[in-house]
Amino acid sequence: MSASSTARRIAATVLAAGAVVTVVALPASAHDGDRRHRQDSRVEISDVQANSPGRDNGSNRSLNAEWVEITNNGRRSVNLDGWTLRDRDGNRYRFDDFRLRGHSSVRIHTGEGRDTRTDLYQDRDDYIWGNRSDKATLRDDRGNVVDVESWNRRR
């Protein structure tokens, strides 16, 4: 085998290997550039209790037994300031200056109460979530949908 033939084979092998590496690396690079989406995708609606236990008598206790739980599955805290939680009818709760710690959850209750790290209150005097069917939509501070949870329970 001549030196020029060997050089051509080596060059072809290097080019082929480079093409494979480029194809494999491209999707990862494109995804890494979308840091905001990656950050928000770790926050989700993890649970909903739309039908408070017992009779819906309109008491604050009954209203607060209706809640939506938001969970941060990531390691780092996420600033939810300006994020919103809406129902199908357009009722909206807006997060104000709240950081959700990594690997933790917060419940957003319908009634009145004192906000803590684990419980936030909408301070409403009427039920928000439909017992049989509704849809909870969580949006970030730019209006992007982060998660949606819907239910349709028949009696």
N, C-alpha and C. Protein backbone atom coordinates (compact mmCIF):
# COMPACT_ATOMS: atom_id res chain seq x y z
N MET A 1 0.85 -1.16 0.00
CA MET A 1 0.00 0.00 0.00
C MET A 1 0.90 1.23 0.00
N SER A 2 0.58 2.20 -0.83
CA SER A 2 1.42 3.39 -0.92
C SER A 2 1.11 4.35 0.21
N ALA A 3 2.03 5.29 0.43
CA ALA A 3 1.88 6.28 1.50
C ALA A 3 0.67 7.17 1.23
N SER A 4 0.43 7.53 -0.05
CA SER A 4 -0.70 8.40 -0.36
C SER A 4 -2.03 7.67 -0.17
N SER A 5 -2.06 6.39 -0.45
CA SER A 5 -3.27 5.60 -0.24
C SER A 5 -3.56 5.47 1.26
N THR A 6 -2.54 5.24 2.05
CA THR A 6 -2.71 5.16 3.50
C THR A 6 -3.17 6.50 4.05
N ALA A 7 -2.60 7.59 3.57
CA ALA A 7 -2.99 8.94 4.04
C ALA A 7 -4.45 9.21 3.71
N ARG A 8 -4.89 8.79 2.50
CA ARG A 8 -6.30 9.00 2.11
C ARG A 8 -7.23 8.20 3.01
N ARG A 9 -6.88 6.97 3.34
CA ARG A 9 -7.71 6.14 4.22
C ARG A 9 -7.78 6.75 5.62
N ILE A 10 -6.66 7.21 6.12
CA ILE A 10 -6.66 7.84 7.45
C ILE A 10 -7.52 9.09 7.43
N ALA A 11 -7.39 9.89 6.40
CA ALA A 11 -8.18 11.12 6.28
C ALA A 11 -9.67 10.78 6.20
N ALA A 12 -10.04 9.76 5.43
CA ALA A 12 -11.44 9.37 5.31
C ALA A 12 -11.98 8.87 6.65
N THR A 13 -11.18 8.12 7.38
CA THR A 13 -11.59 7.61 8.69
C THR A 13 -11.80 8.76 9.68
N VAL A 14 -10.88 9.72 9.68
CA VAL A 14 -11.00 10.88 10.58
C VAL A 14 -12.24 11.69 10.23
N LEU A 15 -12.49 11.91 8.94
CA LEU A 15 -13.67 12.67 8.51
C LEU A 15 -14.96 11.94 8.89
N ALA A 16 -15.00 10.64 8.71
CA ALA A 16 -16.19 9.86 9.07
C ALA A 16 -16.43 9.92 10.57
N ALA A 17 -15.37 9.77 11.35
CA ALA A 17 -15.50 9.85 12.81
C ALA A 17 -15.98 11.23 13.23
N GLY A 18 -15.46 12.26 12.57
CA GLY A 18 -15.88 13.63 12.88
C GLY A 18 -17.35 13.84 12.56
N ALA A 19 -17.83 13.27 11.47
CA ALA A 19 -19.25 13.41 11.11
C ALA A 19 -20.14 12.73 12.13
N VAL A 20 -19.73 11.55 12.62
CA VAL A 20 -20.51 10.84 13.63
C VAL A 20 -20.56 11.65 14.92
N VAL A 21 -19.44 12.20 15.35
CA VAL A 21 -19.39 13.00 16.57
C VAL A 21 -20.27 14.24 16.42
N THR A 22 -20.24 14.88 15.25
CA THR A 22 -21.06 16.07 15.01
C THR A 22 -22.53 15.73 15.09
N VAL A 23 -22.96 14.64 14.48
CA VAL A 23 -24.37 14.24 14.50
C VAL A 23 -24.82 13.93 15.92
N VAL A 24 -23.98 13.26 16.69
CA VAL A 24 -24.33 12.91 18.06
C VAL A 24 -24.36 14.16 18.94
N ALA A 25 -23.44 15.10 18.73
CA ALA A 25 -23.33 16.28 19.60
C ALA A 25 -24.35 17.36 19.27
N LEU A 26 -24.83 17.41 18.04
CA LEU A 26 -25.74 18.48 17.65
C LEU A 26 -27.00 18.57 18.51
N PRO A 27 -27.78 17.51 18.68
CA PRO A 27 -28.97 17.64 19.50
C PRO A 27 -28.67 18.08 20.94
N ALA A 28 -27.58 17.58 21.50
CA ALA A 28 -27.24 17.98 22.87
C ALA A 28 -26.93 19.46 22.94
N SER A 29 -26.20 19.99 21.96
CA SER A 29 -25.87 21.41 21.95
C SER A 29 -27.12 22.25 21.78
N ALA A 30 -28.00 21.85 20.90
CA ALA A 30 -29.23 22.61 20.68
C ALA A 30 -30.07 22.62 21.95
N HIS A 31 -30.13 21.50 22.65
CA HIS A 31 -30.93 21.43 23.88
C HIS A 31 -30.31 22.27 24.98
N ASP A 32 -28.96 22.26 25.08
CA ASP A 32 -28.30 23.04 26.12
C ASP A 32 -28.56 24.53 25.99
N GLY A 33 -28.78 25.00 24.78
CA GLY A 33 -29.04 26.41 24.57
C GLY A 33 -30.41 26.83 25.10
N ASP A 34 -31.29 25.88 25.33
CA ASP A 34 -32.65 26.18 25.79
C ASP A 34 -32.72 25.98 27.30
N ARG A 35 -31.92 26.72 28.04
CA ARG A 35 -31.82 26.55 29.49
C ARG A 35 -33.13 26.86 30.18
N ARG A 36 -33.85 27.87 29.72
CA ARG A 36 -35.09 28.27 30.39
C ARG A 36 -36.11 27.13 30.34
N HIS A 37 -36.23 26.48 29.18
CA HIS A 37 -37.17 25.36 29.07
C HIS A 37 -36.77 24.23 30.00
N ARG A 38 -35.47 23.94 30.07
CA ARG A 38 -35.01 22.87 30.95
C ARG A 38 -35.31 23.21 32.40
N GLN A 39 -35.14 24.47 32.77
CA GLN A 39 -35.39 24.86 34.16
C GLN A 39 -36.87 24.68 34.49
N ASP A 40 -37.75 25.18 33.62
CA ASP A 40 -39.17 25.15 33.90
C ASP A 40 -39.75 23.74 33.84
N SER A 41 -39.15 22.85 33.05
CA SER A 41 -39.73 21.53 32.88
C SER A 41 -39.61 20.69 34.16
N ARG A 42 -38.80 21.11 35.10
CA ARG A 42 -38.69 20.35 36.34
C ARG A 42 -39.78 20.72 37.33
N VAL A 43 -40.54 21.79 37.04
CA VAL A 43 -41.65 22.21 37.89
C VAL A 43 -42.93 21.66 37.26
N GLU A 44 -43.78 21.05 38.09
CA GLU A 44 -44.99 20.44 37.55
C GLU A 44 -46.14 20.52 38.55
N ILE A 45 -47.35 20.36 38.01
CA ILE A 45 -48.53 20.18 38.85
C ILE A 45 -48.50 18.71 39.26
N SER A 46 -48.26 18.46 40.53
CA SER A 46 -48.05 17.08 40.97
C SER A 46 -49.29 16.43 41.56
N ASP A 47 -50.26 17.24 42.03
CA ASP A 47 -51.46 16.67 42.62
C ASP A 47 -52.54 17.74 42.67
N VAL A 48 -53.79 17.29 42.63
CA VAL A 48 -54.94 18.20 42.72
C VAL A 48 -55.98 17.55 43.61
N GLN A 49 -56.50 18.33 44.54
CA GLN A 49 -57.67 17.90 45.30
C GLN A 49 -58.75 18.94 45.00
N ALA A 50 -59.52 18.66 43.97
CA ALA A 50 -60.54 19.60 43.50
C ALA A 50 -61.82 19.51 44.32
N ASN A 51 -62.11 18.33 44.83
CA ASN A 51 -63.33 18.12 45.61
C ASN A 51 -62.94 17.96 47.07
N SER A 52 -63.14 19.03 47.84
CA SER A 52 -62.77 18.95 49.26
C SER A 52 -63.61 17.89 49.95
N PRO A 53 -63.02 17.16 50.89
CA PRO A 53 -63.75 16.10 51.60
C PRO A 53 -64.98 16.66 52.33
N GLY A 54 -66.01 15.88 52.40
CA GLY A 54 -67.24 16.31 53.08
C GLY A 54 -68.11 17.17 52.17
N ARG A 55 -69.06 17.84 52.81
CA ARG A 55 -69.97 18.71 52.06
C ARG A 55 -69.28 20.01 51.69
N ASP A 56 -69.59 20.52 50.51
CA ASP A 56 -69.10 21.84 50.12
C ASP A 56 -69.99 22.89 50.77
N ASN A 57 -69.64 23.27 51.99
CA ASN A 57 -70.49 24.20 52.74
C ASN A 57 -69.99 25.64 52.68
N GLY A 58 -68.89 25.89 51.96
CA GLY A 58 -68.39 27.24 51.79
C GLY A 58 -67.56 27.76 52.95
N SER A 59 -67.34 26.94 53.97
CA SER A 59 -66.51 27.37 55.09
C SER A 59 -65.06 27.51 54.63
N ASN A 60 -64.29 28.31 55.32
CA ASN A 60 -62.88 28.47 54.98
C ASN A 60 -62.14 27.14 55.06
N ARG A 61 -62.51 26.32 56.03
CA ARG A 61 -61.90 24.99 56.17
C ARG A 61 -62.16 24.14 54.93
N SER A 62 -63.39 24.18 54.45
CA SER A 62 -63.75 23.42 53.25
C SER A 62 -63.05 23.99 52.01
N LEU A 63 -63.00 25.32 51.91
CA LEU A 63 -62.32 25.95 50.78
C LEU A 63 -60.83 25.59 50.75
N ASN A 64 -60.21 25.53 51.91
CA ASN A 64 -58.78 25.22 51.96
C ASN A 64 -58.48 23.74 51.77
N ALA A 65 -59.50 22.90 51.82
CA ALA A 65 -59.31 21.48 51.51
C ALA A 65 -59.33 21.26 50.00
N GLU A 66 -59.56 22.31 49.25
CA GLU A 66 -59.47 22.30 47.78
C GLU A 66 -58.12 22.95 47.45
N TRP A 67 -57.24 22.21 46.75
CA TRP A 67 -55.91 22.73 46.49
C TRP A 67 -55.28 22.10 45.24
N VAL A 68 -54.23 22.77 44.77
CA VAL A 68 -53.38 22.26 43.70
C VAL A 68 -51.96 22.26 44.23
N GLU A 69 -51.25 21.16 44.00
CA GLU A 69 -49.87 21.04 44.48
C GLU A 69 -48.90 21.20 43.32
N ILE A 70 -47.91 22.06 43.52
CA ILE A 70 -46.85 22.30 42.54
C ILE A 70 -45.56 21.74 43.13
N THR A 71 -44.81 20.96 42.34
CA THR A 71 -43.58 20.34 42.82
C THR A 71 -42.40 20.75 41.94
N ASN A 72 -41.29 21.04 42.59
CA ASN A 72 -40.02 21.29 41.92
C ASN A 72 -39.19 20.01 42.05
N ASN A 73 -39.03 19.29 40.96
CA ASN A 73 -38.28 18.04 40.96
C ASN A 73 -36.77 18.25 40.81
N GLY A 74 -36.37 19.50 40.57
CA GLY A 74 -34.95 19.79 40.41
C GLY A 74 -34.25 20.01 41.73
N ARG A 75 -32.92 20.12 41.65
CA ARG A 75 -32.11 20.35 42.86
C ARG A 75 -32.15 21.80 43.31
N ARG A 76 -32.20 22.71 42.36
CA ARG A 76 -32.13 24.14 42.68
C ARG A 76 -33.51 24.74 42.84
N SER A 77 -33.58 25.80 43.65
CA SER A 77 -34.86 26.48 43.83
C SER A 77 -35.24 27.21 42.54
N VAL A 78 -36.53 27.43 42.37
CA VAL A 78 -37.05 28.13 41.20
C VAL A 78 -37.88 29.31 41.69
N ASN A 79 -37.61 30.48 41.13
CA ASN A 79 -38.36 31.68 41.47
C ASN A 79 -39.68 31.66 40.70
N LEU A 80 -40.80 31.54 41.40
CA LEU A 80 -42.11 31.49 40.75
C LEU A 80 -42.77 32.87 40.67
N ASP A 81 -42.05 33.92 41.00
CA ASP A 81 -42.60 35.28 40.94
C ASP A 81 -43.15 35.56 39.55
N GLY A 82 -44.42 35.92 39.49
CA GLY A 82 -45.07 36.22 38.21
C GLY A 82 -45.69 35.02 37.52
N TRP A 83 -45.46 33.82 38.01
CA TRP A 83 -46.08 32.62 37.44
C TRP A 83 -47.57 32.64 37.80
N THR A 84 -48.37 31.95 37.00
CA THR A 84 -49.81 31.91 37.26
C THR A 84 -50.34 30.49 37.23
N LEU A 85 -51.42 30.30 37.97
CA LEU A 85 -52.17 29.04 37.99
C LEU A 85 -53.61 29.41 37.67
N ARG A 86 -54.16 28.82 36.59
CA ARG A 86 -55.52 29.16 36.15
C ARG A 86 -56.39 27.93 36.05
N ASP A 87 -57.70 28.16 36.21
CA ASP A 87 -58.66 27.09 35.96
C ASP A 87 -59.27 27.30 34.58
N ARG A 88 -60.16 26.40 34.20
CA ARG A 88 -60.78 26.46 32.87
C ARG A 88 -61.62 27.73 32.69
N ASP A 89 -62.20 28.26 33.78
CA ASP A 89 -63.05 29.46 33.69
C ASP A 89 -62.26 30.76 33.68
N GLY A 90 -60.93 30.69 33.80
CA GLY A 90 -60.11 31.89 33.77
C GLY A 90 -59.77 32.47 35.12
N ASN A 91 -60.22 31.83 36.21
CA ASN A 91 -59.81 32.28 37.54
C ASN A 91 -58.29 32.10 37.64
N ARG A 92 -57.62 33.11 38.17
CA ARG A 92 -56.16 33.09 38.14
C ARG A 92 -55.58 33.39 39.52
N TYR A 93 -54.56 32.62 39.87
CA TYR A 93 -53.74 32.90 41.04
C TYR A 93 -52.36 33.27 40.53
N ARG A 94 -51.81 34.39 41.00
CA ARG A 94 -50.49 34.84 40.57
C ARG A 94 -49.52 34.72 41.74
N PHE A 95 -48.41 34.01 41.52
CA PHE A 95 -47.38 33.86 42.53
C PHE A 95 -46.66 35.19 42.69
N ASP A 96 -46.46 35.59 43.93
CA ASP A 96 -45.81 36.86 44.21
C ASP A 96 -44.60 36.62 45.12
N ASP A 97 -43.40 36.84 44.58
CA ASP A 97 -42.17 36.75 45.36
C ASP A 97 -42.08 35.43 46.13
N PHE A 98 -42.19 34.32 45.40
CA PHE A 98 -42.14 33.00 46.04
C PHE A 98 -41.09 32.14 45.35
N ARG A 99 -40.20 31.56 46.13
CA ARG A 99 -39.19 30.63 45.63
C ARG A 99 -39.54 29.23 46.10
N LEU A 100 -39.64 28.32 45.15
CA LEU A 100 -39.92 26.92 45.46
C LEU A 100 -38.58 26.18 45.53
N ARG A 101 -38.25 25.71 46.70
CA ARG A 101 -36.97 25.03 46.91
C ARG A 101 -36.89 23.76 46.06
N GLY A 102 -35.66 23.32 45.85
CA GLY A 102 -35.44 22.08 45.12
C GLY A 102 -36.02 20.89 45.86
N HIS A 103 -36.55 19.95 45.11
CA HIS A 103 -37.14 18.72 45.66
C HIS A 103 -38.18 19.02 46.74
N SER A 104 -39.03 20.00 46.47
CA SER A 104 -40.09 20.33 47.43
C SER A 104 -41.37 20.71 46.69
N SER A 105 -42.45 20.81 47.47
CA SER A 105 -43.77 21.10 46.92
C SER A 105 -44.45 22.21 47.70
N VAL A 106 -45.41 22.86 47.06
CA VAL A 106 -46.24 23.85 47.71
C VAL A 106 -47.68 23.59 47.27
N ARG A 107 -48.61 23.73 48.22
CA ARG A 107 -50.03 23.59 47.90
C ARG A 107 -50.66 24.97 47.85
N ILE A 108 -51.43 25.22 46.79
CA ILE A 108 -52.14 26.48 46.64
C ILE A 108 -53.59 26.20 47.00
N HIS A 109 -54.00 26.69 48.17
CA HIS A 109 -55.36 26.48 48.69
C HIS A 109 -56.28 27.59 48.19
N THR A 110 -57.55 27.28 48.09
CA THR A 110 -58.52 28.24 47.59
C THR A 110 -58.88 29.32 48.61
N GLY A 111 -59.04 28.95 49.87
CA GLY A 111 -59.51 29.88 50.89
C GLY A 111 -58.45 30.81 51.43
N GLU A 112 -58.73 31.34 52.63
CA GLU A 112 -57.84 32.29 53.28
C GLU A 112 -56.90 31.58 54.24
N GLY A 113 -55.71 32.14 54.40
CA GLY A 113 -54.74 31.59 55.32
C GLY A 113 -53.46 32.38 55.28
N ARG A 114 -52.51 31.93 56.07
CA ARG A 114 -51.21 32.59 56.13
C ARG A 114 -50.22 31.79 55.30
N ASP A 115 -49.61 32.46 54.30
CA ASP A 115 -48.67 31.80 53.41
C ASP A 115 -47.44 31.30 54.16
N THR A 116 -47.00 30.08 53.78
CA THR A 116 -45.77 29.49 54.31
C THR A 116 -44.98 28.92 53.13
N ARG A 117 -43.88 28.24 53.41
CA ARG A 117 -43.10 27.61 52.35
C ARG A 117 -43.84 26.45 51.69
N THR A 118 -44.76 25.85 52.42
CA THR A 118 -45.44 24.66 51.91
C THR A 118 -46.91 24.90 51.55
N ASP A 119 -47.45 26.04 51.94
CA ASP A 119 -48.87 26.33 51.68
C ASP A 119 -49.05 27.80 51.32
N LEU A 120 -49.74 28.03 50.20
CA LEU A 120 -50.10 29.38 49.78
C LEU A 120 -51.62 29.45 49.68
N TYR A 121 -52.18 30.64 49.84
CA TYR A 121 -53.63 30.80 49.89
C TYR A 121 -54.09 31.85 48.88
N GLN A 122 -55.17 31.51 48.16
CA GLN A 122 -55.72 32.43 47.17
C GLN A 122 -56.62 33.50 47.82
N ASP A 123 -57.03 33.28 49.06
CA ASP A 123 -57.89 34.21 49.79
C ASP A 123 -59.23 34.44 49.09
N ARG A 124 -59.80 33.38 48.56
CA ARG A 124 -61.11 33.45 47.90
C ARG A 124 -62.20 32.96 48.84
N ASP A 125 -63.41 33.40 48.55
CA ASP A 125 -64.53 32.98 49.39
C ASP A 125 -65.51 32.08 48.63
N ASP A 126 -65.05 31.55 47.50
CA ASP A 126 -65.86 30.62 46.72
C ASP A 126 -64.94 29.58 46.08
N TYR A 127 -65.49 28.42 45.80
CA TYR A 127 -64.71 27.33 45.21
C TYR A 127 -64.25 27.70 43.81
N ILE A 128 -63.07 27.23 43.44
CA ILE A 128 -62.50 27.50 42.12
C ILE A 128 -62.56 26.26 41.23
N TRP A 129 -62.06 25.15 41.74
CA TRP A 129 -61.88 23.95 40.94
C TRP A 129 -63.17 23.14 40.85
N GLY A 130 -63.53 22.74 39.65
CA GLY A 130 -64.71 21.91 39.44
C GLY A 130 -64.50 20.52 40.01
N ASN A 131 -65.45 20.04 40.78
CA ASN A 131 -65.33 18.72 41.40
C ASN A 131 -65.26 17.61 40.36
N ARG A 132 -66.09 17.69 39.34
CA ARG A 132 -66.17 16.61 38.34
C ARG A 132 -65.21 16.80 37.18
N SER A 133 -65.02 18.05 36.74
CA SER A 133 -64.08 18.27 35.65
C SER A 133 -63.58 19.71 35.68
N ASP A 134 -62.33 19.85 35.32
CA ASP A 134 -61.70 21.17 35.24
C ASP A 134 -60.30 20.98 34.65
N LYS A 135 -59.59 22.07 34.54
CA LYS A 135 -58.23 22.02 34.02
C LYS A 135 -57.41 23.07 34.75
N ALA A 136 -56.28 22.67 35.32
CA ALA A 136 -55.33 23.57 35.97
C ALA A 136 -54.16 23.79 35.02
N THR A 137 -53.85 25.05 34.75
CA THR A 137 -52.75 25.39 33.86
C THR A 137 -51.74 26.24 34.60
N LEU A 138 -50.49 25.79 34.62
CA LEU A 138 -49.41 26.51 35.25
C LEU A 138 -48.58 27.17 34.15
N ARG A 139 -48.41 28.50 34.26
CA ARG A 139 -47.61 29.24 33.28
C ARG A 139 -46.48 29.97 33.99
N ASP A 140 -45.36 30.12 33.29
CA ASP A 140 -44.24 30.85 33.87
C ASP A 140 -44.47 32.36 33.71
N ASP A 141 -43.50 33.15 34.14
CA ASP A 141 -43.64 34.60 34.13
C ASP A 141 -43.65 35.21 32.73
N ARG A 142 -43.37 34.42 31.71
CA ARG A 142 -43.44 34.88 30.32
C ARG A 142 -44.70 34.39 29.61
N GLY A 143 -45.55 33.67 30.35
CA GLY A 143 -46.79 33.17 29.77
C GLY A 143 -46.68 31.82 29.11
N ASN A 144 -45.52 31.19 29.19
CA ASN A 144 -45.33 29.87 28.60
C ASN A 144 -45.98 28.81 29.49
N VAL A 145 -46.68 27.87 28.87
CA VAL A 145 -47.29 26.78 29.63
C VAL A 145 -46.19 25.86 30.14
N VAL A 146 -46.18 25.65 31.45
CA VAL A 146 -45.20 24.78 32.09
C VAL A 146 -45.81 23.40 32.30
N ASP A 147 -47.08 23.36 32.73
CA ASP A 147 -47.76 22.08 32.94
C ASP A 147 -49.27 22.29 32.94
N VAL A 148 -49.98 21.24 32.58
CA VAL A 148 -51.45 21.24 32.57
C VAL A 148 -51.92 19.94 33.20
N GLU A 149 -52.90 20.05 34.06
CA GLU A 149 -53.53 18.87 34.66
C GLU A 149 -55.04 19.03 34.49
N SER A 150 -55.66 18.05 33.86
CA SER A 150 -57.12 18.12 33.71
C SER A 150 -57.73 16.83 34.24
N TRP A 151 -59.00 16.93 34.61
CA TRP A 151 -59.70 15.77 35.14
C TRP A 151 -61.14 15.80 34.68
N ASN A 152 -61.69 14.62 34.56
CA ASN A 152 -63.08 14.43 34.17
C ASN A 152 -63.57 13.19 34.90
N ARG A 153 -64.18 13.40 36.05
CA ARG A 153 -64.64 12.29 36.87
C ARG A 153 -66.16 12.18 36.77
N ARG A 154 -66.61 11.03 36.47
CA ARG A 154 -68.06 10.80 36.37
C ARG A 154 -68.57 10.22 37.66
N ARG A 155 -69.80 10.56 37.99
CA ARG A 155 -70.42 10.00 39.21
C ARG A 155 -71.03 8.67 38.94
